[in-house]
């Protein structure tokens, strides 16, 4: 009963001050004029309807073995009337569905009908605090799900589909129509608890996730079995949580990096959730190692201050040493500055995120990190073959770029890094494209074979395009391609759901 009360109180207060903030602070409060917007601002334009659908031909050759659906999610309602959110992370979520049959792509996109969206549509204005913006004349709320935009990622699991945020519940959607079914509560005790946008799924279907409540100093760990049933949900009191976006799971451990994004105790009452935190470059990044069987803390280590949005993968070797890799930045400037400036049609160039490999030796209680690809290749959105998720991996795929840019499109190169041979295989989209995360699809019959699927915004044509690549021959270019008759706002994460 004591644990149930704690979980309930945590769910009620998980978003801290951002949940109760009511203020006249409005961030940028208005969209820049169309004339002032650079060409790339097309990717940050709001949707003008709740539902999109189109059928278009596929050029090239779609493999007969490749049966399934590609889903994507991201913020898409950046403007509410004359009000414009101050941060890219704030807009209401739009989930997209790409299905190919008989060389024809059927595309659907639908705004997630969250409680937040319904409330603001009824009021006819932005009224609820978001990650980086507090609209004027805000209204009071009771828990984090009142603010949930369901706008970061999408999770197909056990024939169900979920749109994911970070600070609240997953939202269940119909996998075919994308109609919103409502918040997913794995149990009565866990309703409304933070369920992050980066769950890790093991090859056997077991799902692991985390959430954090910075105001309470708590990390929540989730274990959902392959049948979609909750096995465990355990809160860990860890002190300062930072703002972790992703984490690592191996056969035996869970690893979390808690960057020194510190809670400001005396922040103004009208602060957004982002503004409740301050980067401390002089503090260490804490690394927590948790035992998967008991979900108890087994070790804590320190690294220099650093920011990681996305990890690649992790595993233990024969000696028990934990290995994992990530796109590492020196600071969180891309979140605190760049993703605010794009909403005003400007671009703040952040420090390069560099591919970094980490090792933890639990026996010697030592941790180390090493840049793997030098200091000139920027990388983001790493993915691995799902068959080696949470296991030893030889290849990792990511977006990359070598040129600094005055626009947010320098990561326009798909790259596979062969870790054993220390070799790169790449395809460059070109300067007319803003490239989104691509996803690895396993070949159903062959190991070390598969495809890479993803979307990009063609600025020359003003349309969104879907491309499919041989994952192990990127330099040859796409093997199949389709162009939508419209542009979709840039999103964050996608997932492939194989046909059952």
Protein backbone atom coordinates (compact mmCIF):
# COMPACT_ATOMS: atom_id res chain seq x y z
CA UNK A 1 0.00 0.00 0.00
CA UNK A 2 2.89 2.39 0.77
CA UNK A 3 4.35 1.75 -2.72
CA UNK A 4 0.92 2.37 -4.33
CA UNK A 5 0.57 5.71 -2.53
CA UNK A 6 4.07 6.72 -3.62
CA UNK A 7 3.38 5.84 -7.26
CA UNK A 8 0.11 7.77 -7.18
CA UNK A 9 1.76 10.86 -5.70
CA UNK A 10 4.56 10.62 -8.24
CA UNK A 11 2.09 10.46 -11.14
CA UNK A 12 0.26 13.50 -9.78
CA UNK A 13 3.38 15.65 -9.54
CA UNK A 14 5.70 14.28 -12.18
CA UNK A 15 6.02 17.43 -14.28
CA UNK A 16 6.88 19.60 -11.30
CA UNK A 17 6.37 23.31 -11.70
CA UNK A 18 5.49 22.99 -15.37
CA UNK A 19 2.24 21.27 -14.43
CA UNK A 20 0.90 24.15 -12.37
CA UNK A 21 2.49 27.08 -14.16
CA UNK A 22 0.06 29.84 -15.18
CA UNK A 23 1.61 32.89 -16.69
CA UNK A 24 1.65 35.69 -19.22
CA UNK A 25 5.09 34.59 -20.43
CA UNK A 26 4.64 33.60 -24.05
CA UNK A 27 8.03 32.84 -25.54
CA UNK A 28 8.14 34.04 -29.14
CA UNK A 29 4.29 34.28 -29.09
CA UNK A 30 3.98 34.80 -32.83
CA UNK A 31 5.20 33.19 -36.03
CA UNK A 32 7.62 35.20 -38.16
CA UNK A 33 6.19 36.54 -41.39
CA UNK A 34 6.31 34.20 -44.38
CA UNK A 35 8.68 36.56 -46.17
CA UNK A 36 11.17 36.35 -43.31
CA UNK A 37 11.31 32.56 -43.26
CA UNK A 38 14.22 30.72 -44.89
CA UNK A 39 13.45 27.83 -47.21
CA UNK A 40 14.19 25.21 -44.57
CA UNK A 41 11.45 26.63 -42.32
CA UNK A 42 9.02 24.50 -44.36
CA UNK A 43 9.95 21.66 -42.02
CA UNK A 44 8.67 23.60 -39.00
CA UNK A 45 5.35 24.71 -40.50
CA UNK A 46 2.16 23.63 -38.74
CA UNK A 47 -0.32 21.16 -40.14
CA UNK A 48 -3.56 22.76 -41.39
CA UNK A 49 -5.81 19.73 -40.88
CA UNK A 50 -6.02 16.73 -38.55
CA UNK A 51 -5.82 14.02 -41.22
CA UNK A 52 -3.89 13.48 -44.46
CA UNK A 53 -4.07 10.62 -46.93
CA UNK A 54 -2.55 9.90 -50.33
CA UNK A 55 -1.63 7.04 -52.67
CA UNK A 56 1.45 7.48 -54.85
CA UNK A 57 3.53 5.17 -57.07
CA UNK A 58 6.77 3.63 -55.86
CA UNK A 59 9.71 3.81 -58.24
CA UNK A 60 12.48 1.23 -58.15
CA UNK A 61 11.75 -2.23 -56.78
CA UNK A 62 10.11 -2.88 -53.40
CA UNK A 63 11.29 -6.30 -52.14
CA UNK A 64 8.59 -8.98 -52.12
CA UNK A 65 9.83 -10.21 -48.73
CA UNK A 66 9.31 -6.80 -47.15
CA UNK A 67 5.82 -6.78 -45.65
CA UNK A 68 4.88 -4.36 -42.91
CA UNK A 69 4.23 -0.75 -42.02
CA UNK A 70 6.55 2.14 -41.29
CA UNK A 71 5.32 4.61 -38.65
CA UNK A 72 6.65 8.03 -37.70
CA UNK A 73 5.82 10.62 -35.04
CA UNK A 74 6.77 14.21 -34.30
CA UNK A 75 5.48 17.63 -33.28
CA UNK A 76 3.26 19.15 -35.96
CA UNK A 77 0.97 21.82 -34.49
CA UNK A 78 3.48 24.57 -33.82
CA UNK A 79 0.96 27.40 -34.16
CA UNK A 80 -2.35 27.75 -32.33
CA UNK A 81 -4.10 30.75 -33.82
CA UNK A 82 -1.59 33.61 -33.78
CA UNK A 83 0.41 31.98 -30.99
CA UNK A 84 3.56 30.05 -31.91
CA UNK A 85 5.37 27.74 -29.54
CA UNK A 86 8.86 28.80 -28.53
CA UNK A 87 10.40 25.31 -28.82
CA UNK A 88 10.35 22.55 -31.44
CA UNK A 89 9.49 19.95 -28.77
CA UNK A 90 6.18 21.62 -27.88
CA UNK A 91 3.80 21.01 -30.80
CA UNK A 92 1.04 18.40 -30.73
CA UNK A 93 2.02 15.00 -32.14
CA UNK A 94 1.26 13.76 -35.66
CA UNK A 95 1.66 10.04 -36.37
CA UNK A 96 2.26 8.89 -39.96
CA UNK A 97 1.71 5.49 -41.54
CA UNK A 98 3.53 4.33 -44.70
CA UNK A 99 2.41 1.05 -46.28
CA UNK A 100 3.54 -0.29 -49.68
CA UNK A 101 1.66 -2.87 -51.73
CA UNK A 102 1.85 -3.62 -55.44
CA UNK A 103 4.38 -0.81 -55.96
CA UNK A 104 1.96 1.73 -54.45
CA UNK A 105 2.55 3.69 -51.25
CA UNK A 106 -0.47 4.48 -49.09
CA UNK A 107 0.26 7.30 -46.68
CA UNK A 108 -1.86 8.39 -43.74
CA UNK A 109 -1.12 11.02 -41.12
CA UNK A 110 -3.32 11.89 -38.16
CA UNK A 111 -2.95 14.25 -35.23
CA UNK A 112 -3.06 12.41 -31.90
CA UNK A 113 -6.31 13.34 -30.14
CA UNK A 114 -4.77 13.91 -26.72
CA UNK A 115 -6.55 15.51 -23.78
CA UNK A 116 -4.29 18.53 -24.27
CA UNK A 117 -5.27 18.94 -27.92
CA UNK A 118 -8.97 18.50 -27.16
CA UNK A 119 -8.84 21.09 -24.37
CA UNK A 120 -7.09 23.70 -26.50
CA UNK A 121 -9.31 23.07 -29.53
CA UNK A 122 -12.36 23.61 -27.34
CA UNK A 123 -10.88 26.86 -25.99
CA UNK A 124 -9.66 27.97 -29.40
CA UNK A 125 -6.22 28.93 -28.07
CA UNK A 126 -3.02 27.59 -26.56
CA UNK A 127 -3.64 27.33 -22.83
CA UNK A 128 -1.45 24.56 -21.38
CA UNK A 129 2.26 24.71 -20.51
CA UNK A 130 4.61 22.80 -22.79
CA UNK A 131 8.22 21.63 -22.51
CA UNK A 132 9.72 24.99 -23.53
CA UNK A 133 6.78 27.41 -23.60
CA UNK A 134 4.13 28.66 -21.19
CA UNK A 135 1.25 30.28 -23.12
CA UNK A 136 -0.43 33.41 -21.74
CA UNK A 137 -3.54 32.92 -19.65
CA UNK A 138 -2.66 29.35 -18.79
CA UNK A 139 -5.17 27.08 -17.08
CA UNK A 140 -4.58 24.80 -14.11
CA UNK A 141 -4.02 21.06 -14.56
CA UNK A 142 -3.95 18.05 -12.28
CA UNK A 143 -1.26 15.77 -13.74
CA UNK A 144 1.24 15.36 -16.56
CA UNK A 145 -1.23 13.67 -18.91
CA UNK A 146 -3.19 16.93 -19.09
CA UNK A 147 -0.11 18.31 -20.90
CA UNK A 148 0.83 15.23 -22.90
CA UNK A 149 1.30 16.05 -26.64
CA UNK A 150 2.28 12.45 -27.58
CA UNK A 151 4.79 13.89 -30.02
CA UNK A 152 8.18 12.15 -29.80
CA UNK A 153 8.11 8.53 -30.89
CA UNK A 154 5.94 5.62 -31.92
CA UNK A 155 5.96 2.09 -30.52
CA UNK A 156 4.50 -0.97 -32.25
CA UNK A 157 4.41 -3.78 -29.67
CA UNK A 158 2.34 -6.97 -29.45
CA UNK A 159 0.02 -5.90 -32.32
CA UNK A 160 -0.66 -2.56 -30.66
CA UNK A 161 0.54 0.92 -31.53
CA UNK A 162 1.48 3.71 -29.14
CA UNK A 163 2.46 7.35 -29.53
CA UNK A 164 5.05 8.25 -26.90
CA UNK A 165 5.98 11.38 -24.98
CA UNK A 166 8.31 11.42 -21.95
CA UNK A 167 6.59 12.73 -18.85
CA UNK A 168 3.32 10.81 -19.00
CA UNK A 169 1.42 7.87 -20.42
CA UNK A 170 1.74 6.31 -23.85
CA UNK A 171 -1.25 7.01 -26.11
CA UNK A 172 -2.72 3.99 -27.87
CA UNK A 173 -3.70 4.36 -31.55
CA UNK A 174 -5.48 2.14 -34.04
CA UNK A 175 -2.61 0.67 -36.12
CA UNK A 176 -4.57 0.99 -39.36
CA UNK A 177 -6.60 4.20 -39.15
CA UNK A 178 -4.34 5.94 -36.57
CA UNK A 179 -7.46 6.94 -34.63
CA UNK A 180 -6.67 7.68 -30.99
CA UNK A 181 -7.91 5.10 -28.49
CA UNK A 182 -6.68 6.92 -25.39
CA UNK A 183 -3.93 6.82 -22.74
CA UNK A 184 -2.42 3.41 -22.08
CA UNK A 185 -2.39 2.45 -18.40
CA UNK A 186 -0.49 -0.77 -17.83
CA UNK A 187 -2.02 -0.99 -14.36
CA UNK A 188 -4.14 1.10 -12.00
CA UNK A 189 -1.07 1.86 -9.87
CA UNK A 190 1.01 3.11 -12.78
CA UNK A 191 -1.53 5.34 -14.55
CA UNK A 192 0.11 8.63 -15.55
CA UNK A 193 3.65 7.66 -14.60
CA UNK A 194 6.42 8.84 -16.98
CA UNK A 195 6.97 6.37 -19.82
CA UNK A 196 9.79 7.61 -22.03
CA UNK A 197 9.94 7.78 -25.83
CA UNK A 198 12.90 5.36 -26.09
CA UNK A 199 11.91 1.91 -24.84
CA UNK A 200 14.37 -0.88 -25.58
CA UNK A 201 12.96 -4.13 -26.96
CA UNK A 202 15.00 -7.32 -26.67
CA UNK A 203 14.98 -9.88 -29.50
CA UNK A 204 12.48 -12.01 -27.54
CA UNK A 205 10.00 -9.10 -27.34
CA UNK A 206 10.57 -8.10 -23.73
CA UNK A 207 10.31 -4.32 -23.41
CA UNK A 208 12.22 -2.11 -20.99
CA UNK A 209 11.66 1.58 -20.41
CA UNK A 210 12.30 4.36 -17.96
CA UNK A 211 10.85 7.70 -16.96
CA UNK A 212 12.04 10.50 -14.73
CA UNK A 213 10.58 13.05 -12.32
CA UNK A 214 13.21 15.71 -11.77
CA UNK A 215 11.18 17.46 -9.07
CA UNK A 216 11.02 14.24 -7.03
CA UNK A 217 14.53 12.98 -7.86
CA UNK A 218 13.08 9.68 -9.08
CA UNK A 219 13.76 7.37 -12.02
CA UNK A 220 10.93 4.95 -12.87
CA UNK A 221 11.94 1.62 -14.47
CA UNK A 222 9.45 -0.42 -16.52
CA UNK A 223 9.45 -4.05 -17.66
CA UNK A 224 6.68 -5.15 -20.05
CA UNK A 225 6.73 -8.70 -21.38
CA UNK A 226 6.43 -9.79 -25.01
CA UNK A 227 2.65 -10.19 -24.60
CA UNK A 228 2.31 -6.55 -23.57
CA UNK A 229 1.71 -7.28 -19.88
CA UNK A 230 3.36 -5.25 -17.15
CA UNK A 231 5.86 -7.31 -15.18
CA UNK A 232 7.36 -4.61 -12.99
CA UNK A 233 7.35 -0.86 -12.47
CA UNK A 234 9.89 0.25 -9.89
CA UNK A 235 10.68 3.81 -8.74
CA UNK A 236 14.31 4.49 -7.79
CA UNK A 237 15.18 7.48 -5.65
CA UNK A 238 18.40 8.75 -7.27
CA UNK A 239 18.60 12.43 -6.35
CA UNK A 240 19.28 14.78 -9.25
CA UNK A 241 17.98 13.13 -12.43
CA UNK A 242 19.05 15.60 -15.09
CA UNK A 243 16.85 15.28 -18.18
CA UNK A 244 17.65 11.84 -19.67
CA UNK A 245 16.08 11.20 -23.07
CA UNK A 246 17.40 7.69 -23.80
CA UNK A 247 19.09 4.82 -21.95
CA UNK A 248 20.92 1.53 -22.46
CA UNK A 249 19.81 -2.05 -21.79
CA UNK A 250 22.04 -5.15 -21.97
CA UNK A 251 21.38 -8.80 -21.09
CA UNK A 252 22.04 -8.11 -17.42
CA UNK A 253 22.00 -4.36 -16.83
CA UNK A 254 20.29 -1.03 -17.36
CA UNK A 255 22.57 1.99 -17.77
CA UNK A 256 21.46 5.62 -17.40
CA UNK A 257 23.53 8.76 -17.97
CA UNK A 258 22.29 11.64 -15.83
CA UNK A 259 23.74 14.84 -17.25
CA UNK A 260 24.24 17.93 -15.04
CA UNK A 261 21.05 19.66 -16.20
CA UNK A 262 20.24 20.83 -12.72
CA UNK A 263 16.88 21.79 -11.26
CA UNK A 264 16.63 25.50 -10.34
CA UNK A 265 14.99 25.67 -6.95
CA UNK A 266 14.31 29.43 -7.11
CA UNK A 267 13.13 29.57 -10.73
CA UNK A 268 10.32 32.04 -11.48
CA UNK A 269 6.83 30.59 -11.11
CA UNK A 270 6.10 31.20 -14.80
CA UNK A 271 9.03 29.07 -16.01
CA UNK A 272 8.56 26.32 -18.58
CA UNK A 273 9.84 22.85 -17.71
CA UNK A 274 13.02 23.51 -19.72
CA UNK A 275 13.57 26.81 -17.91
CA UNK A 276 13.32 25.05 -14.56
CA UNK A 277 16.74 23.56 -15.36
CA UNK A 278 20.23 24.98 -15.84
CA UNK A 279 23.31 23.39 -17.41
CA UNK A 280 26.30 23.10 -15.04
CA UNK A 281 29.45 22.44 -17.13
CA UNK A 282 31.57 22.08 -14.00
CA UNK A 283 29.58 19.16 -12.61
CA UNK A 284 29.94 15.50 -13.56
CA UNK A 285 27.62 13.33 -15.58
CA UNK A 286 26.46 10.54 -13.29
CA UNK A 287 26.30 7.03 -14.75
CA UNK A 288 23.98 4.59 -12.99
CA UNK A 289 24.22 0.82 -13.49
CA UNK A 290 21.10 -1.12 -12.47
CA UNK A 291 20.75 -4.89 -12.18
CA UNK A 292 17.90 -6.05 -14.47
CA UNK A 293 16.82 -8.99 -12.31
CA UNK A 294 16.32 -7.01 -9.12
CA UNK A 295 16.00 -3.48 -10.57
CA UNK A 296 18.35 -2.25 -7.88
CA UNK A 297 21.30 0.10 -8.23
CA UNK A 298 24.58 -1.82 -8.51
CA UNK A 299 27.05 0.96 -9.28
CA UNK A 300 27.50 4.66 -9.91
CA UNK A 301 30.28 6.25 -11.97
CA UNK A 302 31.26 9.74 -13.14
CA UNK A 303 32.09 11.19 -16.55
CA UNK A 304 32.86 14.77 -17.57
CA UNK A 305 29.82 16.96 -18.23
CA UNK A 306 28.22 15.89 -21.52
CA UNK A 307 24.87 15.68 -23.25
CA UNK A 308 23.50 12.59 -24.99
CA UNK A 309 20.15 12.53 -26.75
CA UNK A 310 20.50 9.08 -28.32
CA UNK A 311 22.44 5.91 -27.64
CA UNK A 312 23.20 3.22 -30.19
CA UNK A 313 23.24 -0.09 -28.34
CA UNK A 314 24.85 -1.89 -25.40
CA UNK A 315 26.11 -5.32 -24.38
CA UNK A 316 28.41 -7.18 -21.96
CA UNK A 317 31.46 -9.05 -23.17
CA UNK A 318 32.77 -12.35 -21.77
CA UNK A 319 34.59 -10.57 -18.92
CA UNK A 320 31.45 -8.74 -17.80
CA UNK A 321 32.59 -5.36 -19.15
CA UNK A 322 29.66 -3.25 -20.35
CA UNK A 323 30.04 -1.62 -23.77
CA UNK A 324 27.73 1.01 -25.27
CA UNK A 325 27.89 3.85 -27.77
CA UNK A 326 26.20 7.20 -28.29
CA UNK A 327 26.08 10.52 -30.12
CA UNK A 328 27.83 12.68 -27.51
CA UNK A 329 27.71 16.49 -27.32
CA UNK A 330 29.72 18.72 -25.02
CA UNK A 331 26.63 20.74 -24.05
CA UNK A 332 22.83 20.62 -24.53
CA UNK A 333 22.86 23.76 -26.70
CA UNK A 334 20.94 22.05 -29.48
CA UNK A 335 18.03 21.66 -27.03
CA UNK A 336 18.37 24.88 -25.07
CA UNK A 337 19.15 27.20 -28.01
CA UNK A 338 18.98 25.61 -31.49
CA UNK A 339 15.53 24.08 -31.15
CA UNK A 340 14.21 27.41 -29.95
CA UNK A 341 15.80 29.44 -32.72
CA UNK A 342 14.31 27.26 -35.50
CA UNK A 343 10.84 28.26 -34.37
CA UNK A 344 11.74 31.85 -35.30
CA UNK A 345 13.29 30.92 -38.64
CA UNK A 346 16.84 31.21 -37.30
CA UNK A 347 19.58 28.62 -36.69
CA UNK A 348 21.98 28.41 -33.77
CA UNK A 349 24.82 26.02 -34.66
CA UNK A 350 25.41 23.75 -31.63
CA UNK A 351 28.56 21.78 -30.79
CA UNK A 352 29.06 18.71 -32.97
CA UNK A 353 27.58 15.48 -31.58
CA UNK A 354 30.43 12.95 -31.93
CA UNK A 355 30.25 9.16 -32.05
CA UNK A 356 31.61 7.91 -28.74
CA UNK A 357 32.19 4.45 -27.31
CA UNK A 358 31.99 3.78 -23.56
CA UNK A 359 33.20 0.96 -21.33
CA UNK A 360 32.28 0.12 -17.75
CA UNK A 361 34.35 -2.46 -15.89
CA UNK A 362 32.27 -3.36 -12.81
CA UNK A 363 35.05 -5.48 -11.31
CA UNK A 364 37.54 -2.60 -11.29
CA UNK A 365 34.80 0.01 -10.87
CA UNK A 366 36.15 1.96 -13.82
CA UNK A 367 34.49 3.82 -16.70
CA UNK A 368 36.04 5.21 -19.88
CA UNK A 369 34.95 6.92 -23.09
CA UNK A 370 36.62 7.32 -26.47
CA UNK A 371 35.68 9.13 -29.68
CA UNK A 372 35.40 6.49 -32.41
CA UNK A 373 35.24 8.51 -35.65
CA UNK A 374 37.29 11.61 -34.96
CA UNK A 375 36.19 15.17 -34.22
CA UNK A 376 34.84 16.30 -37.60
CA UNK A 377 32.00 13.85 -38.33
CA UNK A 378 28.75 14.86 -36.66
CA UNK A 379 26.28 12.02 -36.02
CA UNK A 380 22.76 11.57 -34.65
CA UNK A 381 19.80 9.17 -34.58
CA UNK A 382 21.79 5.90 -34.24
CA UNK A 383 19.97 2.62 -34.90
CA UNK A 384 20.93 -1.07 -34.93
CA UNK A 385 19.40 -4.22 -36.37
CA UNK A 386 16.54 -5.20 -34.00
CA UNK A 387 17.93 -8.75 -33.85
CA UNK A 388 20.93 -7.49 -31.88
CA UNK A 389 19.12 -4.98 -29.69
CA UNK A 390 20.63 -5.17 -26.18
CA UNK A 391 23.22 -7.64 -27.56
CA UNK A 392 26.67 -7.41 -29.17
CA UNK A 393 26.45 -5.47 -32.45
CA UNK A 394 28.84 -5.10 -35.37
CA UNK A 395 27.06 -2.32 -37.30
CA UNK A 396 25.30 0.90 -36.38
CA UNK A 397 23.44 3.26 -38.74
CA UNK A 398 23.04 7.01 -38.21
CA UNK A 399 22.65 10.38 -39.87
CA UNK A 400 25.99 12.11 -40.36
CA UNK A 401 27.55 15.23 -41.80
CA UNK A 402 30.96 16.83 -42.07
CA UNK A 403 30.11 20.45 -42.87
CA UNK A 404 29.09 23.18 -40.48
CA UNK A 405 25.95 24.87 -41.71
CA UNK A 406 23.86 28.02 -41.35
CA UNK A 407 20.75 25.84 -41.62
CA UNK A 408 19.53 22.77 -39.68
CA UNK A 409 20.17 20.36 -42.54
CA UNK A 410 23.84 19.45 -42.36
CA UNK A 411 23.11 15.85 -41.22
CA UNK A 412 21.96 14.75 -44.69
CA UNK A 413 24.17 11.69 -45.03
CA UNK A 414 23.07 8.13 -44.21
CA UNK A 415 25.99 6.16 -42.79
CA UNK A 416 26.65 2.61 -41.63
CA UNK A 417 29.61 2.20 -39.33
CA UNK A 418 31.14 -1.27 -39.45
CA UNK A 419 32.66 -1.50 -35.97
CA UNK A 420 34.75 -4.61 -36.66
CA UNK A 421 36.38 -3.21 -39.80
CA UNK A 422 36.28 0.43 -38.70
CA UNK A 423 34.73 1.33 -42.07
CA UNK A 424 31.95 3.67 -43.23
CA UNK A 425 29.40 3.17 -46.00
CA UNK A 426 27.42 6.31 -46.83
CA UNK A 427 24.82 7.91 -49.06
CA UNK A 428 24.39 11.71 -49.23
CA UNK A 429 20.92 13.09 -49.92
CA UNK A 430 22.21 16.52 -50.97
CA UNK A 431 21.70 20.09 -49.84
CA UNK A 432 18.06 20.26 -51.00
CA UNK A 433 16.99 17.75 -48.34
CA UNK A 434 16.26 17.82 -44.63
CA UNK A 435 16.76 14.18 -43.66
CA UNK A 436 14.88 12.49 -40.83
CA UNK A 437 15.83 9.44 -38.77
CA UNK A 438 16.00 6.18 -40.76
CA UNK A 439 15.11 2.80 -39.29
CA UNK A 440 16.76 -0.62 -39.73
CA UNK A 441 14.55 -3.51 -40.89
CA UNK A 442 15.82 -7.08 -40.39
CA UNK A 443 15.87 -9.45 -43.35
CA UNK A 444 13.46 -12.31 -42.50
CA UNK A 445 15.73 -15.06 -43.86
CA UNK A 446 19.33 -13.84 -43.68
CA UNK A 447 21.60 -12.57 -40.94
CA UNK A 448 23.69 -9.47 -41.63
CA UNK A 449 21.14 -8.39 -44.22
CA UNK A 450 18.23 -6.01 -44.21
CA UNK A 451 16.98 -2.62 -45.26
CA UNK A 452 17.05 0.99 -44.10
CA UNK A 453 13.82 2.98 -44.43
CA UNK A 454 13.21 6.65 -43.80
CA UNK A 455 11.84 9.99 -44.89
CA UNK A 456 13.30 13.29 -46.00
CA UNK A 457 11.85 16.69 -46.84
CA UNK A 458 12.68 17.74 -50.39
CA UNK A 459 12.97 21.53 -50.21
CA UNK A 460 13.16 21.91 -53.99
CA UNK A 461 9.79 20.21 -54.59
CA UNK A 462 8.26 21.07 -51.21
CA UNK A 463 7.30 17.45 -50.57
CA UNK A 464 8.08 14.60 -48.19
CA UNK A 465 9.74 11.51 -49.69
CA UNK A 466 10.08 7.91 -48.51
CA UNK A 467 13.20 5.95 -49.47
CA UNK A 468 14.27 2.34 -48.97
CA UNK A 469 17.94 1.26 -49.03
CA UNK A 470 19.88 -1.97 -48.87
CA UNK A 471 21.19 -1.46 -45.34
CA UNK A 472 24.56 -2.99 -46.27
CA UNK A 473 25.02 -1.09 -49.55
CA UNK A 474 24.01 2.49 -48.78
CA UNK A 475 26.39 4.03 -51.32
CA UNK A 476 24.34 2.50 -54.15
CA UNK A 477 21.44 4.78 -53.26
CA UNK A 478 17.76 3.97 -52.70
CA UNK A 479 16.35 0.77 -54.16
CA UNK A 480 12.78 2.10 -53.90
CA UNK A 481 11.40 5.62 -53.57
CA UNK A 482 8.07 7.47 -53.37
CA UNK A 483 7.11 11.15 -53.21
CA UNK A 484 4.06 12.41 -51.35
CA UNK A 485 1.99 15.24 -52.87
CA UNK A 486 2.57 17.38 -49.75
CA UNK A 487 5.15 18.23 -47.10
CA UNK A 488 4.88 16.85 -43.59
CA UNK A 489 6.44 18.74 -40.65
CA UNK A 490 9.79 17.31 -39.57
CA UNK A 491 9.43 14.69 -36.88
CA UNK A 492 11.60 12.75 -34.48
CA UNK A 493 11.36 8.96 -34.44
CA UNK A 494 9.94 6.07 -36.42
CA UNK A 495 9.50 2.30 -36.18
CA UNK A 496 8.84 -0.60 -38.52
CA UNK A 497 6.10 -3.12 -37.71
CA UNK A 498 6.45 -6.37 -39.63
CA UNK A 499 3.22 -7.92 -40.91
CA UNK A 500 2.01 -10.63 -38.54
